[in-house]
Amino acid sequence: DRILENPSSYQHLLNFDVWAEYLAITFLFKCWHGNLDMNLSYYFHPLERSLQPISSDNSCGQEDHRRAFGVMPTQNEFLYKLISIPSFRQLLSTKIKWWMDSEEAKIFLSRLREKEITLRRTLAFESPFLGKYKISVNHLPGILDWLNSTTFNSKKAEASTHLVRKIQSPQKVRTNQLLQDIFPAV
C-alpha cells in the first residue's frame, strides 16, 4: 500500500521502463479500465526486485468521459501519482512518441488494422452488432500535451527527486530491510 500511495518514495522498486511501456500501450489502445486502482494487477519480479504491471481486466477502445481523453488517470489514482514523477513522465512521453513516429510502430498498427477488419468480418455472422475497433494514434498528441501541461505539484516533485538521489545508492542492508518491510514474504 505504501508504494501505491507514494510511488515517488519507492522509485527504486518500480521498473520505470516496463511501467512506461505498459502505460503507452494502454493509452494507445484506450484501455483505461485496467488502469483503475482496483483493476490494476502487479508482479514483483524476484530477480529485478521491482514491481511491474500486469494487464488484467482491460476493456480497450472505450472511453470514460470523466477522464481526460477518456483514458487518463485521475489525481487520486496510483498511475497519476506515478506520472507526476518528472523522470517517469519524460520516459512515458518518449514511449508514446515512439508509437507516433516509429516506422516499425506504423507497420505494426497497419497490420493490426488489417487483422481487426478480418476478424470482424469473420465474426459478423455470429455477432452482427460487433462494432469497429478504431486503432489510431490521433489522440496521442493530446495525451502528450496533457502530460506536458498538467500541473503536477512541483515542490513535491522536487522533493521526491532529492529523496531518490539519496536512496538510489543505499547500502545493501538498508535496501533489503526496506524490501522486507514492504514485501514481508520476500
N, C-alpha and C. Protein backbone atom coordinates (compact mmCIF):
# COMPACT_ATOMS: atom_id res chain seq x y z
N ASP A 1 0.81 -1.20 0.00
CA ASP A 1 0.00 0.00 0.00
C ASP A 1 0.86 1.27 0.00
N ARG A 2 2.00 1.22 0.67
CA ARG A 2 2.84 2.41 0.72
C ARG A 2 3.34 2.82 -0.65
N ILE A 3 3.67 1.85 -1.48
CA ILE A 3 4.15 2.17 -2.83
C ILE A 3 3.03 2.82 -3.63
N LEU A 4 1.82 2.32 -3.49
CA LEU A 4 0.70 2.83 -4.26
C LEU A 4 0.31 4.23 -3.82
N GLU A 5 0.49 4.52 -2.56
CA GLU A 5 0.14 5.85 -2.04
C GLU A 5 1.21 6.89 -2.38
N ASN A 6 2.46 6.47 -2.44
CA ASN A 6 3.54 7.43 -2.64
C ASN A 6 4.64 6.79 -3.50
N PRO A 7 4.39 6.59 -4.79
CA PRO A 7 5.40 5.92 -5.63
C PRO A 7 6.71 6.69 -5.74
N SER A 8 6.68 7.99 -5.55
CA SER A 8 7.93 8.75 -5.67
C SER A 8 8.94 8.36 -4.59
N SER A 9 8.46 7.89 -3.47
CA SER A 9 9.37 7.46 -2.40
C SER A 9 9.91 6.05 -2.63
N TYR A 10 9.34 5.33 -3.57
CA TYR A 10 9.74 3.94 -3.81
C TYR A 10 10.14 3.70 -5.26
N GLN A 11 10.67 4.73 -5.89
CA GLN A 11 11.05 4.62 -7.30
C GLN A 11 12.03 3.49 -7.55
N HIS A 12 12.87 3.23 -6.59
CA HIS A 12 13.87 2.18 -6.75
C HIS A 12 13.24 0.79 -6.82
N LEU A 13 11.97 0.68 -6.47
CA LEU A 13 11.26 -0.60 -6.54
C LEU A 13 10.34 -0.70 -7.76
N LEU A 14 10.32 0.32 -8.58
CA LEU A 14 9.45 0.34 -9.75
C LEU A 14 10.31 0.30 -11.01
N ASN A 15 10.01 -0.61 -11.90
CA ASN A 15 10.72 -0.67 -13.17
C ASN A 15 10.06 0.36 -14.09
N PHE A 16 10.61 1.55 -14.13
CA PHE A 16 10.03 2.65 -14.89
C PHE A 16 9.85 2.30 -16.36
N ASP A 17 10.82 1.60 -16.94
CA ASP A 17 10.74 1.28 -18.35
C ASP A 17 9.52 0.40 -18.64
N VAL A 18 9.29 -0.61 -17.85
CA VAL A 18 8.14 -1.50 -18.04
C VAL A 18 6.84 -0.75 -17.80
N TRP A 19 6.79 0.07 -16.75
CA TRP A 19 5.58 0.84 -16.46
C TRP A 19 5.28 1.83 -17.59
N ALA A 20 6.31 2.47 -18.13
CA ALA A 20 6.10 3.44 -19.21
C ALA A 20 5.61 2.75 -20.48
N GLU A 21 6.18 1.60 -20.80
CA GLU A 21 5.70 0.85 -21.97
C GLU A 21 4.25 0.41 -21.77
N TYR A 22 3.95 -0.07 -20.58
CA TYR A 22 2.58 -0.51 -20.27
C TYR A 22 1.59 0.65 -20.45
N LEU A 23 1.91 1.80 -19.89
CA LEU A 23 1.00 2.94 -19.99
C LEU A 23 0.89 3.46 -21.42
N ALA A 24 2.00 3.51 -22.13
CA ALA A 24 1.95 3.97 -23.52
C ALA A 24 1.01 3.08 -24.33
N ILE A 25 1.06 1.78 -24.12
CA ILE A 25 0.19 0.86 -24.85
C ILE A 25 -1.25 1.00 -24.40
N THR A 26 -1.49 1.12 -23.10
CA THR A 26 -2.87 1.27 -22.65
C THR A 26 -3.46 2.61 -23.10
N PHE A 27 -2.64 3.65 -23.18
CA PHE A 27 -3.13 4.93 -23.70
C PHE A 27 -3.38 4.82 -25.20
N LEU A 28 -2.49 4.15 -25.93
CA LEU A 28 -2.66 3.96 -27.36
C LEU A 28 -3.98 3.28 -27.67
N PHE A 29 -4.27 2.19 -26.97
CA PHE A 29 -5.47 1.41 -27.25
C PHE A 29 -6.66 1.80 -26.38
N LYS A 30 -6.50 2.88 -25.62
CA LYS A 30 -7.57 3.40 -24.76
C LYS A 30 -8.10 2.31 -23.81
N CYS A 31 -7.17 1.71 -23.09
CA CYS A 31 -7.50 0.63 -22.15
C CYS A 31 -7.53 1.15 -20.72
N TRP A 32 -8.30 2.16 -20.48
CA TRP A 32 -8.32 2.82 -19.17
C TRP A 32 -8.83 1.91 -18.05
N HIS A 33 -9.72 1.00 -18.36
CA HIS A 33 -10.38 0.22 -17.31
C HIS A 33 -9.38 -0.61 -16.50
N GLY A 34 -8.41 -1.17 -17.15
CA GLY A 34 -7.41 -1.97 -16.45
C GLY A 34 -6.43 -1.13 -15.65
N ASN A 35 -6.45 0.18 -15.85
CA ASN A 35 -5.55 1.06 -15.11
C ASN A 35 -6.15 1.61 -13.82
N LEU A 36 -7.40 1.27 -13.56
CA LEU A 36 -8.02 1.68 -12.31
C LEU A 36 -7.32 0.98 -11.15
N ASP A 37 -7.19 1.65 -10.04
CA ASP A 37 -6.51 1.04 -8.89
C ASP A 37 -7.08 -0.33 -8.54
N MET A 38 -8.40 -0.47 -8.58
CA MET A 38 -9.00 -1.74 -8.18
C MET A 38 -8.81 -2.83 -9.23
N ASN A 39 -8.46 -2.47 -10.46
CA ASN A 39 -8.27 -3.46 -11.53
C ASN A 39 -6.81 -3.70 -11.89
N LEU A 40 -5.94 -2.83 -11.46
CA LEU A 40 -4.52 -2.94 -11.81
C LEU A 40 -3.89 -4.08 -11.01
N SER A 41 -3.20 -4.94 -11.72
CA SER A 41 -2.52 -6.07 -11.07
C SER A 41 -1.02 -5.83 -11.12
N TYR A 42 -0.30 -6.43 -10.19
CA TYR A 42 1.13 -6.19 -10.07
C TYR A 42 1.88 -7.52 -9.97
N TYR A 43 3.13 -7.44 -10.39
CA TYR A 43 4.02 -8.59 -10.30
C TYR A 43 5.32 -8.09 -9.70
N PHE A 44 5.76 -8.74 -8.64
CA PHE A 44 7.06 -8.39 -8.06
C PHE A 44 8.08 -9.33 -8.68
N HIS A 45 8.92 -8.79 -9.56
CA HIS A 45 9.93 -9.58 -10.25
C HIS A 45 11.04 -9.90 -9.25
N PRO A 46 11.22 -11.18 -8.91
CA PRO A 46 12.17 -11.52 -7.84
C PRO A 46 13.63 -11.26 -8.20
N LEU A 47 13.99 -11.37 -9.47
CA LEU A 47 15.38 -11.14 -9.85
C LEU A 47 15.70 -9.66 -9.98
N GLU A 48 14.78 -8.92 -10.56
CA GLU A 48 14.98 -7.48 -10.72
C GLU A 48 14.62 -6.72 -9.46
N ARG A 49 13.89 -7.39 -8.57
CA ARG A 49 13.41 -6.79 -7.33
C ARG A 49 12.65 -5.50 -7.64
N SER A 50 11.69 -5.64 -8.55
CA SER A 50 10.89 -4.47 -8.93
C SER A 50 9.44 -4.87 -9.14
N LEU A 51 8.58 -3.91 -8.86
CA LEU A 51 7.15 -4.08 -9.04
C LEU A 51 6.80 -3.69 -10.47
N GLN A 52 6.09 -4.60 -11.18
CA GLN A 52 5.75 -4.38 -12.57
C GLN A 52 4.26 -4.58 -12.78
N PRO A 53 3.68 -3.93 -13.78
CA PRO A 53 2.25 -4.07 -14.03
C PRO A 53 1.92 -5.37 -14.77
N ILE A 54 0.74 -5.86 -14.52
CA ILE A 54 0.19 -6.98 -15.29
C ILE A 54 -1.13 -6.49 -15.86
N SER A 55 -1.29 -6.65 -17.14
CA SER A 55 -2.53 -6.22 -17.78
C SER A 55 -3.64 -7.20 -17.40
N SER A 56 -4.65 -6.67 -16.77
CA SER A 56 -5.81 -7.50 -16.43
C SER A 56 -7.05 -6.62 -16.41
N ASP A 57 -8.17 -7.21 -16.68
CA ASP A 57 -9.45 -6.51 -16.66
C ASP A 57 -9.45 -5.27 -17.54
N ASN A 58 -8.77 -5.36 -18.67
CA ASN A 58 -8.73 -4.24 -19.60
C ASN A 58 -9.86 -4.33 -20.60
N SER A 59 -10.59 -3.27 -20.74
CA SER A 59 -11.58 -3.12 -21.79
C SER A 59 -11.07 -2.01 -22.68
N CYS A 60 -10.54 -2.37 -23.83
CA CYS A 60 -9.89 -1.39 -24.68
C CYS A 60 -10.85 -0.77 -25.68
N GLY A 61 -10.51 0.42 -26.11
CA GLY A 61 -11.31 1.12 -27.10
C GLY A 61 -12.51 1.85 -26.52
N GLN A 62 -12.62 1.84 -25.22
CA GLN A 62 -13.73 2.54 -24.57
C GLN A 62 -13.23 3.85 -23.99
N GLU A 63 -14.15 4.71 -23.63
CA GLU A 63 -13.76 5.97 -23.01
C GLU A 63 -14.63 6.22 -21.79
N ASP A 64 -14.00 6.75 -20.77
CA ASP A 64 -14.71 7.20 -19.58
C ASP A 64 -14.70 8.73 -19.68
N HIS A 65 -15.85 9.32 -19.89
CA HIS A 65 -15.92 10.75 -20.17
C HIS A 65 -15.57 11.62 -18.95
N ARG A 66 -15.32 11.01 -17.81
CA ARG A 66 -14.87 11.77 -16.64
C ARG A 66 -13.36 11.93 -16.63
N ARG A 67 -12.69 11.27 -17.56
CA ARG A 67 -11.23 11.28 -17.61
C ARG A 67 -10.75 12.09 -18.81
N ALA A 68 -9.61 12.74 -18.65
CA ALA A 68 -9.01 13.45 -19.78
C ALA A 68 -8.79 12.46 -20.92
N PHE A 69 -9.19 12.83 -22.12
CA PHE A 69 -9.10 11.98 -23.31
C PHE A 69 -9.80 10.64 -23.14
N GLY A 70 -10.62 10.54 -22.11
CA GLY A 70 -11.37 9.32 -21.87
C GLY A 70 -10.58 8.20 -21.26
N VAL A 71 -9.26 8.39 -21.08
CA VAL A 71 -8.41 7.29 -20.62
C VAL A 71 -7.41 7.65 -19.52
N MET A 72 -7.18 8.93 -19.29
CA MET A 72 -6.10 9.32 -18.37
C MET A 72 -6.50 9.09 -16.92
N PRO A 73 -5.52 8.76 -16.07
CA PRO A 73 -5.83 8.54 -14.65
C PRO A 73 -6.24 9.84 -13.96
N THR A 74 -6.95 9.69 -12.86
CA THR A 74 -7.36 10.84 -12.07
C THR A 74 -6.39 11.03 -10.91
N GLN A 75 -6.44 12.19 -10.27
CA GLN A 75 -5.45 12.57 -9.26
C GLN A 75 -5.32 11.60 -8.10
N ASN A 76 -6.38 10.92 -7.74
CA ASN A 76 -6.30 10.04 -6.57
C ASN A 76 -5.80 8.65 -6.90
N GLU A 77 -5.49 8.38 -8.17
CA GLU A 77 -5.08 7.04 -8.58
C GLU A 77 -3.56 6.89 -8.60
N PHE A 78 -3.10 5.66 -8.40
CA PHE A 78 -1.67 5.34 -8.38
C PHE A 78 -0.97 5.81 -9.65
N LEU A 79 -1.57 5.55 -10.81
CA LEU A 79 -0.89 5.89 -12.06
C LEU A 79 -0.71 7.40 -12.23
N TYR A 80 -1.63 8.18 -11.73
CA TYR A 80 -1.46 9.64 -11.77
C TYR A 80 -0.26 10.03 -10.90
N LYS A 81 -0.18 9.41 -9.73
CA LYS A 81 0.95 9.70 -8.83
C LYS A 81 2.26 9.28 -9.47
N LEU A 82 2.24 8.16 -10.20
CA LEU A 82 3.44 7.71 -10.90
C LEU A 82 3.80 8.70 -12.02
N ILE A 83 2.81 9.13 -12.77
CA ILE A 83 3.05 10.09 -13.85
C ILE A 83 3.53 11.43 -13.30
N SER A 84 3.20 11.74 -12.08
CA SER A 84 3.63 13.02 -11.51
C SER A 84 5.13 13.07 -11.21
N ILE A 85 5.81 11.94 -11.32
CA ILE A 85 7.27 11.90 -11.15
C ILE A 85 7.90 12.38 -12.46
N PRO A 86 8.61 13.49 -12.44
CA PRO A 86 9.11 14.09 -13.70
C PRO A 86 9.90 13.13 -14.59
N SER A 87 10.80 12.35 -14.02
CA SER A 87 11.60 11.45 -14.85
C SER A 87 10.74 10.36 -15.49
N PHE A 88 9.72 9.92 -14.78
CA PHE A 88 8.81 8.92 -15.34
C PHE A 88 7.98 9.54 -16.46
N ARG A 89 7.48 10.73 -16.23
CA ARG A 89 6.66 11.42 -17.23
C ARG A 89 7.45 11.62 -18.53
N GLN A 90 8.73 11.94 -18.39
CA GLN A 90 9.58 12.12 -19.56
C GLN A 90 9.77 10.80 -20.31
N LEU A 91 10.00 9.71 -19.58
CA LEU A 91 10.15 8.39 -20.20
C LEU A 91 8.84 7.96 -20.88
N LEU A 92 7.72 8.19 -20.22
CA LEU A 92 6.42 7.86 -20.79
C LEU A 92 6.19 8.64 -22.09
N SER A 93 6.54 9.90 -22.10
CA SER A 93 6.40 10.72 -23.31
C SER A 93 7.23 10.13 -24.46
N THR A 94 8.42 9.66 -24.15
CA THR A 94 9.28 9.04 -25.16
C THR A 94 8.64 7.79 -25.73
N LYS A 95 8.04 6.98 -24.88
CA LYS A 95 7.38 5.74 -25.33
C LYS A 95 6.16 6.06 -26.20
N ILE A 96 5.41 7.08 -25.82
CA ILE A 96 4.24 7.47 -26.61
C ILE A 96 4.68 8.01 -27.97
N LYS A 97 5.74 8.82 -27.98
CA LYS A 97 6.25 9.37 -29.25
C LYS A 97 6.70 8.24 -30.18
N TRP A 98 7.23 7.16 -29.62
CA TRP A 98 7.65 6.03 -30.45
C TRP A 98 6.45 5.50 -31.23
N TRP A 99 5.30 5.37 -30.57
CA TRP A 99 4.10 4.88 -31.26
C TRP A 99 3.65 5.83 -32.35
N MET A 100 3.93 7.10 -32.21
CA MET A 100 3.52 8.09 -33.20
C MET A 100 4.50 8.21 -34.37
N ASP A 101 5.80 8.07 -34.08
CA ASP A 101 6.83 8.41 -35.05
C ASP A 101 7.57 7.23 -35.67
N SER A 102 7.63 6.12 -35.00
CA SER A 102 8.43 4.99 -35.45
C SER A 102 7.81 4.31 -36.67
N GLU A 103 8.64 4.05 -37.65
CA GLU A 103 8.19 3.32 -38.84
C GLU A 103 7.75 1.90 -38.44
N GLU A 104 8.46 1.31 -37.52
CA GLU A 104 8.09 -0.03 -37.03
C GLU A 104 6.70 -0.02 -36.40
N ALA A 105 6.40 1.00 -35.62
CA ALA A 105 5.07 1.11 -35.00
C ALA A 105 3.99 1.30 -36.06
N LYS A 106 4.28 2.12 -37.07
CA LYS A 106 3.31 2.35 -38.15
C LYS A 106 2.98 1.06 -38.90
N ILE A 107 4.00 0.26 -39.17
CA ILE A 107 3.79 -1.03 -39.85
C ILE A 107 2.98 -1.96 -38.95
N PHE A 108 3.35 -2.03 -37.68
CA PHE A 108 2.63 -2.89 -36.74
C PHE A 108 1.15 -2.50 -36.66
N LEU A 109 0.86 -1.21 -36.51
CA LEU A 109 -0.52 -0.76 -36.40
C LEU A 109 -1.30 -0.97 -37.70
N SER A 110 -0.63 -0.82 -38.83
CA SER A 110 -1.28 -1.08 -40.11
C SER A 110 -1.69 -2.55 -40.22
N ARG A 111 -0.79 -3.43 -39.86
CA ARG A 111 -1.11 -4.87 -39.87
C ARG A 111 -2.21 -5.20 -38.87
N LEU A 112 -2.18 -4.55 -37.73
CA LEU A 112 -3.20 -4.77 -36.71
C LEU A 112 -4.58 -4.32 -37.22
N ARG A 113 -4.63 -3.20 -37.92
CA ARG A 113 -5.89 -2.72 -38.51
C ARG A 113 -6.44 -3.75 -39.51
N GLU A 114 -5.55 -4.30 -40.32
CA GLU A 114 -5.96 -5.33 -41.29
C GLU A 114 -6.52 -6.56 -40.57
N LYS A 115 -5.86 -6.98 -39.52
CA LYS A 115 -6.33 -8.14 -38.76
C LYS A 115 -7.66 -7.86 -38.09
N GLU A 116 -7.85 -6.62 -37.62
CA GLU A 116 -9.12 -6.25 -36.99
C GLU A 116 -10.26 -6.36 -37.99
N ILE A 117 -10.04 -5.90 -39.21
CA ILE A 117 -11.06 -5.98 -40.26
C ILE A 117 -11.39 -7.44 -40.57
N THR A 118 -10.36 -8.26 -40.71
CA THR A 118 -10.56 -9.68 -41.00
C THR A 118 -11.31 -10.37 -39.88
N LEU A 119 -10.93 -10.12 -38.65
CA LEU A 119 -11.59 -10.74 -37.50
C LEU A 119 -13.05 -10.29 -37.41
N ARG A 120 -13.31 -9.01 -37.62
CA ARG A 120 -14.68 -8.50 -37.54
C ARG A 120 -15.55 -9.13 -38.63
N ARG A 121 -15.01 -9.27 -39.84
CA ARG A 121 -15.75 -9.94 -40.92
C ARG A 121 -16.05 -11.40 -40.57
N THR A 122 -15.07 -12.07 -39.97
CA THR A 122 -15.24 -13.47 -39.58
C THR A 122 -16.33 -13.62 -38.53
N LEU A 123 -16.39 -12.68 -37.61
CA LEU A 123 -17.37 -12.75 -36.52
C LEU A 123 -18.71 -12.11 -36.85
N ALA A 124 -18.80 -11.45 -37.98
CA ALA A 124 -20.00 -10.68 -38.33
C ALA A 124 -21.29 -11.50 -38.33
N PHE A 125 -21.21 -12.73 -38.78
CA PHE A 125 -22.42 -13.55 -38.84
C PHE A 125 -22.94 -13.86 -37.44
N GLU A 126 -22.05 -14.23 -36.52
CA GLU A 126 -22.46 -14.59 -35.17
C GLU A 126 -22.62 -13.38 -34.26
N SER A 127 -21.98 -12.29 -34.61
CA SER A 127 -22.05 -11.07 -33.81
C SER A 127 -22.37 -9.89 -34.74
N PRO A 128 -23.62 -9.81 -35.19
CA PRO A 128 -23.95 -8.79 -36.20
C PRO A 128 -23.81 -7.35 -35.71
N PHE A 129 -23.79 -7.13 -34.42
CA PHE A 129 -23.69 -5.76 -33.90
C PHE A 129 -22.28 -5.42 -33.41
N LEU A 130 -21.34 -6.25 -33.76
CA LEU A 130 -19.96 -6.01 -33.36
C LEU A 130 -19.46 -4.73 -34.01
N GLY A 131 -19.05 -3.80 -33.19
CA GLY A 131 -18.60 -2.51 -33.70
C GLY A 131 -17.16 -2.54 -34.15
N LYS A 132 -16.79 -1.53 -34.91
CA LYS A 132 -15.42 -1.41 -35.38
C LYS A 132 -14.54 -0.92 -34.24
N TYR A 133 -13.39 -1.56 -34.10
CA TYR A 133 -12.42 -1.15 -33.10
C TYR A 133 -11.43 -0.22 -33.79
N LYS A 134 -11.45 1.04 -33.43
CA LYS A 134 -10.62 2.04 -34.07
C LYS A 134 -9.21 2.01 -33.50
N ILE A 135 -8.26 1.73 -34.36
CA ILE A 135 -6.85 1.70 -33.96
C ILE A 135 -6.20 2.93 -34.57
N SER A 136 -5.84 3.87 -33.72
CA SER A 136 -5.37 5.16 -34.21
C SER A 136 -4.38 5.76 -33.21
N VAL A 137 -3.52 6.62 -33.72
CA VAL A 137 -2.62 7.39 -32.87
C VAL A 137 -3.06 8.85 -32.79
N ASN A 138 -4.21 9.17 -33.37
CA ASN A 138 -4.67 10.56 -33.45
C ASN A 138 -4.84 11.23 -32.10
N HIS A 139 -5.13 10.48 -31.06
CA HIS A 139 -5.34 11.05 -29.73
C HIS A 139 -4.03 11.22 -28.95
N LEU A 140 -2.95 10.60 -29.41
CA LEU A 140 -1.69 10.63 -28.66
C LEU A 140 -1.06 12.03 -28.55
N PRO A 141 -1.11 12.90 -29.57
CA PRO A 141 -0.58 14.26 -29.37
C PRO A 141 -1.29 14.99 -28.23
N GLY A 142 -2.60 14.79 -28.10
CA GLY A 142 -3.33 15.41 -27.00
C GLY A 142 -2.88 14.86 -25.65
N ILE A 143 -2.61 13.56 -25.61
CA ILE A 143 -2.11 12.96 -24.36
C ILE A 143 -0.74 13.53 -24.02
N LEU A 144 0.11 13.69 -25.02
CA LEU A 144 1.43 14.30 -24.78
C LEU A 144 1.27 15.73 -24.25
N ASP A 145 0.36 16.48 -24.84
CA ASP A 145 0.09 17.83 -24.34
C ASP A 145 -0.36 17.79 -22.89
N TRP A 146 -1.23 16.83 -22.57
CA TRP A 146 -1.72 16.68 -21.19
C TRP A 146 -0.55 16.38 -20.26
N LEU A 147 0.34 15.49 -20.69
CA LEU A 147 1.50 15.14 -19.85
C LEU A 147 2.40 16.35 -19.63
N ASN A 148 2.54 17.19 -20.65
CA ASN A 148 3.43 18.35 -20.56
C ASN A 148 2.78 19.56 -19.89
N SER A 149 1.45 19.65 -19.97
CA SER A 149 0.82 20.86 -19.46
C SER A 149 0.11 20.68 -18.12
N THR A 150 -0.14 19.44 -17.74
CA THR A 150 -0.82 19.22 -16.47
C THR A 150 0.07 19.71 -15.35
N THR A 151 -0.52 20.45 -14.45
CA THR A 151 0.25 20.98 -13.34
C THR A 151 0.36 19.93 -12.25
N PHE A 152 1.56 19.41 -12.12
CA PHE A 152 1.86 18.49 -11.03
C PHE A 152 2.56 19.33 -9.96
N ASN A 153 2.37 18.97 -8.73
CA ASN A 153 2.93 19.74 -7.63
C ASN A 153 4.45 19.76 -7.76
N SER A 154 5.00 20.89 -8.23
CA SER A 154 6.44 20.95 -8.50
C SER A 154 7.29 20.84 -7.24
N LYS A 155 6.80 21.36 -6.12
CA LYS A 155 7.57 21.23 -4.88
C LYS A 155 7.66 19.77 -4.48
N LYS A 156 6.56 19.06 -4.60
CA LYS A 156 6.54 17.65 -4.27
C LYS A 156 7.47 16.88 -5.22
N ALA A 157 7.44 17.24 -6.50
CA ALA A 157 8.30 16.57 -7.49
C ALA A 157 9.77 16.83 -7.18
N GLU A 158 10.12 18.07 -6.82
CA GLU A 158 11.50 18.38 -6.48
C GLU A 158 11.93 17.62 -5.25
N ALA A 159 11.06 17.53 -4.25
CA ALA A 159 11.38 16.80 -3.03
C ALA A 159 11.59 15.32 -3.32
N SER A 160 10.75 14.74 -4.17
CA SER A 160 10.89 13.32 -4.47
C SER A 160 12.17 13.06 -5.25
N THR A 161 12.57 13.96 -6.14
CA THR A 161 13.80 13.79 -6.89
C THR A 161 14.98 13.81 -5.94
N HIS A 162 14.96 14.73 -4.97
CA HIS A 162 16.02 14.80 -3.98
C HIS A 162 16.07 13.51 -3.16
N LEU A 163 14.91 13.00 -2.77
CA LEU A 163 14.83 11.78 -1.98
C LEU A 163 15.36 10.59 -2.78
N VAL A 164 15.05 10.52 -4.04
CA VAL A 164 15.50 9.41 -4.87
C VAL A 164 17.01 9.41 -4.98
N ARG A 165 17.60 10.57 -5.11
CA ARG A 165 19.06 10.62 -5.17
C ARG A 165 19.67 10.01 -3.92
N LYS A 166 19.01 10.21 -2.79
CA LYS A 166 19.52 9.65 -1.55
C LYS A 166 19.37 8.14 -1.51
N ILE A 167 18.26 7.61 -2.02
CA ILE A 167 18.01 6.19 -1.84
C ILE A 167 18.36 5.33 -3.05
N GLN A 168 18.83 5.92 -4.14
CA GLN A 168 19.21 5.09 -5.27
C GLN A 168 20.53 4.38 -5.03
N SER A 169 21.34 4.87 -4.15
CA SER A 169 22.59 4.18 -3.87
C SER A 169 22.72 3.86 -2.38
N PRO A 170 21.68 3.21 -1.80
CA PRO A 170 21.76 2.88 -0.39
C PRO A 170 22.64 1.66 -0.17
N GLN A 171 22.96 1.45 1.09
CA GLN A 171 23.69 0.24 1.42
C GLN A 171 22.78 -0.95 1.19
N LYS A 172 23.36 -2.08 0.85
CA LYS A 172 22.58 -3.27 0.53
C LYS A 172 21.68 -3.68 1.70
N VAL A 173 22.17 -3.58 2.90
CA VAL A 173 21.41 -3.99 4.07
C VAL A 173 20.15 -3.14 4.19
N ARG A 174 20.29 -1.85 3.98
CA ARG A 174 19.13 -0.94 4.08
C ARG A 174 18.08 -1.28 3.02
N THR A 175 18.52 -1.58 1.80
CA THR A 175 17.60 -1.95 0.74
C THR A 175 16.86 -3.23 1.09
N ASN A 176 17.60 -4.23 1.56
CA ASN A 176 16.96 -5.50 1.92
C ASN A 176 15.96 -5.31 3.05
N GLN A 177 16.28 -4.48 4.02
CA GLN A 177 15.36 -4.22 5.12
C GLN A 177 14.11 -3.51 4.61
N LEU A 178 14.28 -2.55 3.71
CA LEU A 178 13.14 -1.83 3.14
C LEU A 178 12.25 -2.79 2.36
N LEU A 179 12.87 -3.68 1.57
CA LEU A 179 12.09 -4.65 0.83
C LEU A 179 11.31 -5.58 1.76
N GLN A 180 11.95 -5.99 2.85
CA GLN A 180 11.25 -6.86 3.81
C GLN A 180 10.11 -6.13 4.49
N ASP A 181 10.28 -4.83 4.72
CA ASP A 181 9.20 -4.04 5.31
C ASP A 181 8.00 -3.94 4.37
N ILE A 182 8.30 -3.79 3.08
CA ILE A 182 7.24 -3.62 2.09
C ILE A 182 6.66 -4.96 1.66
N PHE A 183 7.53 -5.92 1.44
CA PHE A 183 7.12 -7.26 0.98
C PHE A 183 7.62 -8.29 2.00
N PRO A 184 6.87 -8.50 3.08
CA PRO A 184 7.33 -9.40 4.13
C PRO A 184 7.69 -10.80 3.65
N ALA A 185 7.08 -11.28 2.59
CA ALA A 185 7.34 -12.64 2.12
C ALA A 185 8.63 -12.73 1.31
N VAL A 186 9.21 -11.60 0.90
CA VAL A 186 10.41 -11.61 0.05
C VAL A 186 11.62 -11.96 0.88
